[in-house]
Amino acid sequence: MSKVVFSRRFERELRQLLRRQHQLRPSIEKTIQKLLCNPQHPSLRLHKLNGDLGWSISVTMAIRIIVYFENDTWFLLRIGNHDAVY
């Protein structure tokens, strides 16, 4: 099973996001769990970013997580609304 590592920026953005929208916590946790168990799960809408090494997954239709995968580890780089993380 893969493991997950949070970047400092991700942790900071997550804290800020949860201060404004604390009801997102269960959805974010569920999304990360799906990523670890089955990255191809359709609800993640996993797709490669153009011209970048990163990938994007969806928490909701508005909230995205930017991730990078290497050596059986998912690095969570950014979280926020679509316009903020792209």
Protein backbone atom coordinates (compact mmCIF):
# COMPACT_ATOMS: atom_id res chain seq x y z
CA MET A 1 0.00 0.00 0.00
CA SER A 2 1.17 3.50 -0.79
CA LYS A 3 1.93 6.11 1.80
CA VAL A 4 1.20 9.83 1.86
CA VAL A 5 3.40 12.82 2.69
CA PHE A 6 2.01 16.33 3.21
CA SER A 7 4.06 19.30 2.07
CA ARG A 8 4.27 22.31 4.39
CA ARG A 9 2.32 24.34 1.88
CA PHE A 10 -0.42 21.68 1.76
CA GLU A 11 -0.66 21.64 5.56
CA ARG A 12 -0.92 25.44 5.69
CA GLU A 13 -3.54 25.58 2.93
CA LEU A 14 -5.48 22.75 4.57
CA ARG A 15 -5.60 24.57 7.92
CA GLN A 16 -6.80 27.75 6.20
CA LEU A 17 -9.41 25.88 4.19
CA LEU A 18 -10.76 24.01 7.23
CA ARG A 19 -11.00 27.25 9.22
CA ARG A 20 -13.36 28.61 6.58
CA GLN A 21 -15.11 25.34 5.66
CA HIS A 22 -14.73 22.87 8.53
CA GLN A 23 -17.47 20.64 7.07
CA LEU A 24 -14.99 19.57 4.34
CA ARG A 25 -12.84 17.54 6.75
CA PRO A 26 -14.66 14.18 6.22
CA SER A 27 -14.61 14.63 2.43
CA ILE A 28 -10.89 15.41 2.42
CA GLU A 29 -10.08 12.41 4.62
CA LYS A 30 -12.21 10.13 2.43
CA THR A 31 -10.52 11.44 -0.74
CA ILE A 32 -7.03 10.80 0.64
CA GLN A 33 -8.05 7.29 1.72
CA LYS A 34 -9.40 6.56 -1.78
CA LEU A 35 -6.14 7.83 -3.28
CA LEU A 36 -4.15 5.41 -1.14
CA CYS A 37 -6.41 2.42 -1.75
CA ASN A 38 -7.36 2.96 -5.39
CA PRO A 39 -5.90 5.96 -7.25
CA GLN A 40 -8.04 5.07 -10.28
CA HIS A 41 -11.32 5.47 -8.35
CA PRO A 42 -13.65 7.46 -10.66
CA SER A 43 -14.71 9.94 -7.98
CA LEU A 44 -11.11 11.21 -7.68
CA ARG A 45 -11.10 12.36 -11.30
CA LEU A 46 -7.32 11.87 -11.28
CA HIS A 47 -5.65 13.55 -14.23
CA LYS A 48 -2.17 14.67 -15.22
CA LEU A 49 -1.47 18.38 -15.29
CA ASN A 50 -0.17 19.85 -18.55
CA GLY A 51 3.52 20.65 -18.61
CA ASP A 52 3.98 19.62 -15.01
CA LEU A 53 4.99 16.53 -13.07
CA GLY A 54 1.91 16.80 -10.86
CA TRP A 55 -1.53 15.29 -10.93
CA SER A 56 -4.87 16.67 -9.77
CA ILE A 57 -7.61 14.94 -7.79
CA SER A 58 -11.00 16.28 -6.80
CA VAL A 59 -12.37 16.47 -3.28
CA THR A 60 -15.53 18.25 -4.48
CA MET A 61 -16.38 19.93 -7.75
CA ALA A 62 -14.73 23.09 -6.38
CA ILE A 63 -11.84 21.76 -4.23
CA ARG A 64 -8.72 20.17 -5.76
CA ILE A 65 -5.60 18.52 -4.38
CA ILE A 66 -2.38 18.66 -6.39
CA VAL A 67 -0.32 15.50 -5.90
CA TYR A 68 2.91 13.95 -7.09
CA PHE A 69 3.70 10.22 -7.06
CA GLU A 70 7.16 8.72 -6.63
CA ASN A 71 8.51 5.47 -5.16
CA ASP A 72 5.15 4.26 -3.81
CA THR A 73 4.56 7.61 -2.06
CA TRP A 74 1.91 10.23 -2.78
CA PHE A 75 3.13 13.75 -2.03
CA LEU A 76 0.22 16.13 -1.40
CA LEU A 77 1.45 19.51 -2.58
CA ARG A 78 -1.52 21.92 -2.63
CA ILE A 79 -5.20 22.06 -1.73
CA GLY A 80 -7.79 24.68 -2.53
CA ASN A 81 -10.29 25.81 -5.08
CA HIS A 82 -9.51 25.28 -8.74
CA ASP A 83 -8.29 28.81 -9.46
CA ALA A 84 -6.05 28.95 -6.38
CA VAL A 85 -4.09 25.73 -6.99
CA TYR A 86 -3.62 25.87 -10.78
